[in-house]
PDB file of all heavy atoms in Angstrom:
ATOM      1  N   ALA A   1      76.979 113.532 155.408  1.00  0.00           N
ATOM      2  CA  ALA A   1      76.710 114.421 154.247  1.00  0.00           C
ATOM      3  C   ALA A   1      76.317 113.586 153.047  1.00  0.00           C
ATOM      4  O   ALA A   1      75.383 113.919 152.296  1.00  0.00           O
ATOM      5  CB  ALA A   1      77.945 115.235 153.914  1.00  0.00           C
ATOM      6  N   MET A   2      77.005 112.454 152.815  1.00  0.00           N
ATOM      7  CA  MET A   2      76.693 111.608 151.673  1.00  0.00           C
ATOM      8  C   MET A   2      75.279 111.021 151.842  1.00  0.00           C
ATOM      9  O   MET A   2      74.520 110.954 150.901  1.00  0.00           O
ATOM     10  CB  MET A   2      77.716 110.528 151.544  1.00  0.00           C
ATOM     11  CG  MET A   2      79.112 111.030 151.197  1.00  0.00           C
ATOM     12  SD  MET A   2      80.343 109.762 151.044  1.00  0.00           S
ATOM     13  CE  MET A   2      79.866 108.990 149.499  1.00  0.00           C
ATOM     14  N   ALA A   3      74.967 110.592 153.064  1.00  0.00           N
ATOM     15  CA  ALA A   3      73.591 110.067 153.282  1.00  0.00           C
ATOM     16  C   ALA A   3      72.569 111.121 153.118  1.00  0.00           C
ATOM     17  O   ALA A   3      71.431 110.870 152.574  1.00  0.00           O
ATOM     18  CB  ALA A   3      73.554 109.499 154.723  1.00  0.00           C
ATOM     19  N   THR A   4      72.886 112.350 153.540  1.00  0.00           N
ATOM     20  CA  THR A   4      71.931 113.475 153.377  1.00  0.00           C
ATOM     21  C   THR A   4      71.700 113.741 151.897  1.00  0.00           C
ATOM     22  O   THR A   4      70.558 113.986 151.471  1.00  0.00           O
ATOM     23  CB  THR A   4      72.478 114.721 154.090  1.00  0.00           C
ATOM     24  OG1 THR A   4      72.729 114.447 155.447  1.00  0.00           O
ATOM     25  CG2 THR A   4      71.507 115.889 153.985  1.00  0.00           C
ATOM     26  N   MET A   5      72.750 113.742 151.158  1.00  0.00           N
ATOM     27  CA  MET A   5      72.579 114.018 149.698  1.00  0.00           C
ATOM     28  C   MET A   5      71.808 112.906 149.006  1.00  0.00           C
ATOM     29  O   MET A   5      71.033 113.148 148.090  1.00  0.00           O
ATOM     30  CB  MET A   5      73.946 114.257 149.058  1.00  0.00           C
ATOM     31  CG  MET A   5      74.536 115.603 149.430  1.00  0.00           C
ATOM     32  SD  MET A   5      76.014 116.040 148.506  1.00  0.00           S
ATOM     33  CE  MET A   5      77.205 115.179 149.512  1.00  0.00           C
ATOM     34  N   ASP A   6      71.989 111.687 149.472  1.00  0.00           N
ATOM     35  CA  ASP A   6      71.204 110.576 148.944  1.00  0.00           C
ATOM     36  C   ASP A   6      69.708 110.775 149.197  1.00  0.00           C
ATOM     37  O   ASP A   6      68.882 110.576 148.343  1.00  0.00           O
ATOM     38  CB  ASP A   6      71.686 109.243 149.545  1.00  0.00           C
ATOM     39  CG  ASP A   6      72.980 108.763 148.994  1.00  0.00           C
ATOM     40  OD1 ASP A   6      73.382 109.257 147.932  1.00  0.00           O
ATOM     41  OD2 ASP A   6      73.636 107.878 149.630  1.00  0.00           O
ATOM     42  N   ILE A   7      69.403 111.175 150.455  1.00  0.00           N
ATOM     43  CA  ILE A   7      67.984 111.325 150.815  1.00  0.00           C
ATOM     44  C   ILE A   7      67.357 112.497 150.069  1.00  0.00           C
ATOM     45  O   ILE A   7      66.213 112.476 149.727  1.00  0.00           O
ATOM     46  CB  ILE A   7      67.814 111.453 152.337  1.00  0.00           C
ATOM     47  CG1 ILE A   7      66.401 111.070 152.753  1.00  0.00           C
ATOM     48  CG2 ILE A   7      68.140 112.850 152.825  1.00  0.00           C
ATOM     49  CD1 ILE A   7      66.138 109.621 152.647  1.00  0.00           C
ATOM     50  N   ILE A   8      68.134 113.540 149.813  1.00  0.00           N
ATOM     51  CA  ILE A   8      67.659 114.684 149.021  1.00  0.00           C
ATOM     52  C   ILE A   8      67.315 114.218 147.623  1.00  0.00           C
ATOM     53  O   ILE A   8      66.286 114.562 147.066  1.00  0.00           O
ATOM     54  CB  ILE A   8      68.705 115.788 149.003  1.00  0.00           C
ATOM     55  CG1 ILE A   8      68.770 116.478 150.355  1.00  0.00           C
ATOM     56  CG2 ILE A   8      68.363 116.801 147.896  1.00  0.00           C
ATOM     57  CD1 ILE A   8      69.887 117.517 150.483  1.00  0.00           C
ATOM     58  N   LYS A   9      68.198 113.422 147.065  1.00  0.00           N
ATOM     59  CA  LYS A   9      67.993 112.891 145.720  1.00  0.00           C
ATOM     60  C   LYS A   9      66.733 112.020 145.652  1.00  0.00           C
ATOM     61  O   LYS A   9      65.908 112.134 144.719  1.00  0.00           O
ATOM     62  CB  LYS A   9      69.241 112.087 145.278  1.00  0.00           C
ATOM     63  CG  LYS A   9      69.300 111.786 143.820  1.00  0.00           C
ATOM     64  CD  LYS A   9      69.768 113.034 143.074  1.00  0.00           C
ATOM     65  CE  LYS A   9      69.996 112.674 141.601  1.00  0.00           C
ATOM     66  NZ  LYS A   9      70.361 113.859 140.791  1.00  0.00           N
ATOM     67  N   LEU A  10      66.555 111.185 146.648  1.00  0.00           N
ATOM     68  CA  LEU A  10      65.397 110.293 146.705  1.00  0.00           C
ATOM     69  C   LEU A  10      64.093 111.077 146.925  1.00  0.00           C
ATOM     70  O   LEU A  10      62.999 110.619 146.579  1.00  0.00           O
ATOM     71  CB  LEU A  10      65.565 109.270 147.832  1.00  0.00           C
ATOM     72  CG  LEU A  10      66.643 108.216 147.598  1.00  0.00           C
ATOM     73  CD1 LEU A  10      66.834 107.390 148.878  1.00  0.00           C
ATOM     74  CD2 LEU A  10      66.219 107.285 146.463  1.00  0.00           C
ATOM     75  N   SER A  11      64.212 112.268 147.469  1.00  0.00           N
ATOM     76  CA  SER A  11      63.047 113.131 147.713  1.00  0.00           C
ATOM     77  C   SER A  11      62.696 113.987 146.518  1.00  0.00           C
ATOM     78  O   SER A  11      61.775 114.811 146.583  1.00  0.00           O
ATOM     79  CB  SER A  11      63.298 114.043 148.948  1.00  0.00           C
ATOM     80  OG  SER A  11      63.601 113.263 150.068  1.00  0.00           O
ATOM     81  N   GLY A  12      63.417 113.807 145.435  1.00  0.00           N
ATOM     82  CA  GLY A  12      63.113 114.578 144.209  1.00  0.00           C
ATOM     83  C   GLY A  12      63.922 115.822 144.050  1.00  0.00           C
ATOM     84  O   GLY A  12      63.705 116.573 143.073  1.00  0.00           O
ATOM     85  N   GLY A  13      64.841 116.111 144.963  1.00  0.00           N
ATOM     86  CA  GLY A  13      65.692 117.289 144.820  1.00  0.00           C
ATOM     87  C   GLY A  13      67.126 116.905 144.392  1.00  0.00           C
ATOM     88  O   GLY A  13      67.449 115.767 144.170  1.00  0.00           O
ATOM     89  N   ASN A  14      67.962 117.935 144.308  1.00  0.00           N
ATOM     90  CA  ASN A  14      69.372 117.726 144.027  1.00  0.00           C
ATOM     91  C   ASN A  14      70.199 118.583 144.998  1.00  0.00           C
ATOM     92  O   ASN A  14      69.887 119.761 145.184  1.00  0.00           O
ATOM     93  CB  ASN A  14      69.689 118.142 142.584  1.00  0.00           C
ATOM     94  CG  ASN A  14      69.206 117.142 141.569  1.00  0.00           C
ATOM     95  OD1 ASN A  14      69.626 116.014 141.575  1.00  0.00           O
ATOM     96  ND2 ASN A  14      68.294 117.578 140.726  1.00  0.00           N
ATOM     97  N   PRO A  15      71.248 118.035 145.603  1.00  0.00           N
ATOM     98  CA  PRO A  15      72.074 118.810 146.555  1.00  0.00           C
ATOM     99  C   PRO A  15      72.714 119.967 145.874  1.00  0.00           C
ATOM    100  O   PRO A  15      73.310 119.814 144.768  1.00  0.00           O
ATOM    101  CB  PRO A  15      73.050 117.766 147.077  1.00  0.00           C
ATOM    102  CG  PRO A  15      73.096 116.712 146.064  1.00  0.00           C
ATOM    103  CD  PRO A  15      71.706 116.632 145.441  1.00  0.00           C
ATOM    104  N   ALA A  16      72.708 121.139 146.494  1.00  0.00           N
ATOM    105  CA  ALA A  16      73.263 122.343 145.956  1.00  0.00           C
ATOM    106  C   ALA A  16      74.710 122.556 146.445  1.00  0.00           C
ATOM    107  O   ALA A  16      75.413 123.407 145.918  1.00  0.00           O
ATOM    108  CB  ALA A  16      72.422 123.563 146.284  1.00  0.00           C
ATOM    109  N   ASN A  17      75.101 121.758 147.466  1.00  0.00           N
ATOM    110  CA  ASN A  17      76.445 121.947 148.021  1.00  0.00           C
ATOM    111  C   ASN A  17      76.786 120.799 148.929  1.00  0.00           C
ATOM    112  O   ASN A  17      75.922 120.015 149.324  1.00  0.00           O
ATOM    113  CB  ASN A  17      76.517 123.240 148.808  1.00  0.00           C
ATOM    114  CG  ASN A  17      75.618 123.258 150.012  1.00  0.00           C
ATOM    115  OD1 ASN A  17      74.416 123.601 149.903  1.00  0.00           O
ATOM    116  ND2 ASN A  17      76.091 122.802 151.145  1.00  0.00           N
ATOM    117  N   PHE A  18      78.064 120.722 149.227  1.00  0.00           N
ATOM    118  CA  PHE A  18      78.565 119.881 150.320  1.00  0.00           C
ATOM    119  C   PHE A  18      79.046 120.864 151.362  1.00  0.00           C
ATOM    120  O   PHE A  18      79.894 121.705 151.061  1.00  0.00           O
ATOM    121  CB  PHE A  18      79.700 118.968 149.832  1.00  0.00           C
ATOM    122  CG  PHE A  18      80.461 118.292 150.924  1.00  0.00           C
ATOM    123  CD1 PHE A  18      80.082 117.030 151.365  1.00  0.00           C
ATOM    124  CD2 PHE A  18      81.535 118.930 151.552  1.00  0.00           C
ATOM    125  CE1 PHE A  18      80.809 116.410 152.363  1.00  0.00           C
ATOM    126  CE2 PHE A  18      82.267 118.272 152.539  1.00  0.00           C
ATOM    127  CZ  PHE A  18      81.892 117.003 152.960  1.00  0.00           C
ATOM    128  N   LEU A  19      78.512 120.810 152.593  1.00  0.00           N
ATOM    129  CA  LEU A  19      78.957 121.715 153.663  1.00  0.00           C
ATOM    130  C   LEU A  19      79.021 120.963 154.964  1.00  0.00           C
ATOM    131  O   LEU A  19      77.995 120.527 155.507  1.00  0.00           O
ATOM    132  CB  LEU A  19      78.041 122.901 153.755  1.00  0.00           C
ATOM    133  CG  LEU A  19      78.621 124.127 154.502  1.00  0.00           C
ATOM    134  CD1 LEU A  19      77.796 125.380 154.195  1.00  0.00           C
ATOM    135  CD2 LEU A  19      78.648 123.917 155.991  1.00  0.00           C
ATOM    136  N   ASP A  20      80.245 120.798 155.487  1.00  0.00           N
ATOM    137  CA  ASP A  20      80.454 120.128 156.783  1.00  0.00           C
ATOM    138  C   ASP A  20      80.898 121.203 157.770  1.00  0.00           C
ATOM    139  O   ASP A  20      81.952 121.789 157.669  1.00  0.00           O
ATOM    140  CB  ASP A  20      81.568 119.078 156.592  1.00  0.00           C
ATOM    141  CG  ASP A  20      81.891 118.296 157.883  1.00  0.00           C
ATOM    142  OD1 ASP A  20      81.183 118.560 158.881  1.00  0.00           O
ATOM    143  OD2 ASP A  20      82.789 117.433 157.858  1.00  0.00           O
ATOM    144  N   VAL A  21      79.998 121.406 158.772  1.00  0.00           N
ATOM    145  CA  VAL A  21      80.295 122.424 159.807  1.00  0.00           C
ATOM    146  C   VAL A  21      81.217 121.902 160.884  1.00  0.00           C
ATOM    147  O   VAL A  21      81.670 122.648 161.767  1.00  0.00           O
ATOM    148  CB  VAL A  21      79.048 123.007 160.408  1.00  0.00           C
ATOM    149  CG1 VAL A  21      78.228 123.770 159.393  1.00  0.00           C
ATOM    150  CG2 VAL A  21      78.182 121.932 161.081  1.00  0.00           C
ATOM    151  N   GLY A  22      81.495 120.584 160.868  1.00  0.00           N
ATOM    152  CA  GLY A  22      82.369 120.038 161.880  1.00  0.00           C
ATOM    153  C   GLY A  22      81.684 119.836 163.212  1.00  0.00           C
ATOM    154  O   GLY A  22      80.439 119.848 163.339  1.00  0.00           O
ATOM    155  N   GLY A  23      82.469 119.722 164.259  1.00  0.00           N
ATOM    156  CA  GLY A  23      81.919 119.425 165.599  1.00  0.00           C
ATOM    157  C   GLY A  23      81.449 120.627 166.370  1.00  0.00           C
ATOM    158  O   GLY A  23      80.874 120.489 167.438  1.00  0.00           O
ATOM    159  N   THR A  24      81.691 121.829 165.843  1.00  0.00           N
ATOM    160  CA  THR A  24      81.302 123.032 166.610  1.00  0.00           C
ATOM    161  C   THR A  24      80.297 123.801 165.762  1.00  0.00           C
ATOM    162  O   THR A  24      80.581 124.549 164.844  1.00  0.00           O
ATOM    163  CB  THR A  24      82.528 123.962 166.835  1.00  0.00           C
ATOM    164  OG1 THR A  24      83.563 123.212 167.459  1.00  0.00           O
ATOM    165  CG2 THR A  24      82.143 125.092 167.714  1.00  0.00           C
ATOM    166  N   ALA A  25      79.004 123.580 166.099  1.00  0.00           N
ATOM    167  CA  ALA A  25      77.960 124.218 165.342  1.00  0.00           C
ATOM    168  C   ALA A  25      77.303 125.319 166.175  1.00  0.00           C
ATOM    169  O   ALA A  25      76.092 125.307 166.485  1.00  0.00           O
ATOM    170  CB  ALA A  25      76.903 123.170 164.918  1.00  0.00           C
ATOM    171  N   ASP A  26      78.069 126.329 166.559  1.00  0.00           N
ATOM    172  CA  ASP A  26      77.531 127.454 167.296  1.00  0.00           C
ATOM    173  C   ASP A  26      76.874 128.471 166.360  1.00  0.00           C
ATOM    174  O   ASP A  26      76.869 128.273 165.142  1.00  0.00           O
ATOM    175  CB  ASP A  26      78.611 128.101 168.145  1.00  0.00           C
ATOM    176  CG  ASP A  26      79.813 128.557 167.293  1.00  0.00           C
ATOM    177  OD1 ASP A  26      79.637 128.782 166.083  1.00  0.00           O
ATOM    178  OD2 ASP A  26      80.911 128.642 167.870  1.00  0.00           O
ATOM    179  N   ALA A  27      76.275 129.522 166.935  1.00  0.00           N
ATOM    180  CA  ALA A  27      75.488 130.454 166.133  1.00  0.00           C
ATOM    181  C   ALA A  27      76.359 131.110 165.066  1.00  0.00           C
ATOM    182  O   ALA A  27      75.902 131.293 163.925  1.00  0.00           O
ATOM    183  CB  ALA A  27      74.903 131.527 167.063  1.00  0.00           C
ATOM    184  N   GLU A  28      77.557 131.501 165.432  1.00  0.00           N
ATOM    185  CA  GLU A  28      78.423 132.193 164.456  1.00  0.00           C
ATOM    186  C   GLU A  28      78.759 131.280 163.250  1.00  0.00           C
ATOM    187  O   GLU A  28      78.711 131.705 162.098  1.00  0.00           O
ATOM    188  CB  GLU A  28      79.761 132.632 165.119  1.00  0.00           C
ATOM    189  CG  GLU A  28      80.675 133.369 164.192  1.00  0.00           C
ATOM    190  CD  GLU A  28      81.999 133.747 164.863  1.00  0.00           C
ATOM    191  OE1 GLU A  28      82.140 133.419 166.075  1.00  0.00           O
ATOM    192  OE2 GLU A  28      82.845 134.395 164.198  1.00  0.00           O
ATOM    193  N   ARG A  29      79.075 130.025 163.563  1.00  0.00           N
ATOM    194  CA  ARG A  29      79.411 129.064 162.526  1.00  0.00           C
ATOM    195  C   ARG A  29      78.184 128.741 161.640  1.00  0.00           C
ATOM    196  O   ARG A  29      78.315 128.640 160.421  1.00  0.00           O
ATOM    197  CB  ARG A  29      79.957 127.783 163.178  1.00  0.00           C
ATOM    198  CG  ARG A  29      80.864 126.958 162.314  1.00  0.00           C
ATOM    199  CD  ARG A  29      81.495 125.872 163.192  1.00  0.00           C
ATOM    200  NE  ARG A  29      82.371 124.979 162.432  1.00  0.00           N
ATOM    201  CZ  ARG A  29      83.645 125.243 162.149  1.00  0.00           C
ATOM    202  NH1 ARG A  29      84.170 126.375 162.541  1.00  0.00           N
ATOM    203  NH2 ARG A  29      84.359 124.389 161.472  1.00  0.00           N
ATOM    204  N   VAL A  30      77.060 128.578 162.302  1.00  0.00           N
ATOM    205  CA  VAL A  30      75.843 128.240 161.544  1.00  0.00           C
ATOM    206  C   VAL A  30      75.439 129.434 160.640  1.00  0.00           C
ATOM    207  O   VAL A  30      75.025 129.239 159.495  1.00  0.00           O
ATOM    208  CB  VAL A  30      74.705 127.915 162.497  1.00  0.00           C
ATOM    209  CG1 VAL A  30      73.343 127.818 161.758  1.00  0.00           C
ATOM    210  CG2 VAL A  30      74.986 126.607 163.219  1.00  0.00           C
TER     211      VAL A  30
END
């Protein structure tokens, strides 16, 4: 998540949230 927010910043954007879905990313959770 931290690396993702860094890359968003470098791309000219700003992260709108921190969201960790954990190890189970099924349809309901997504």
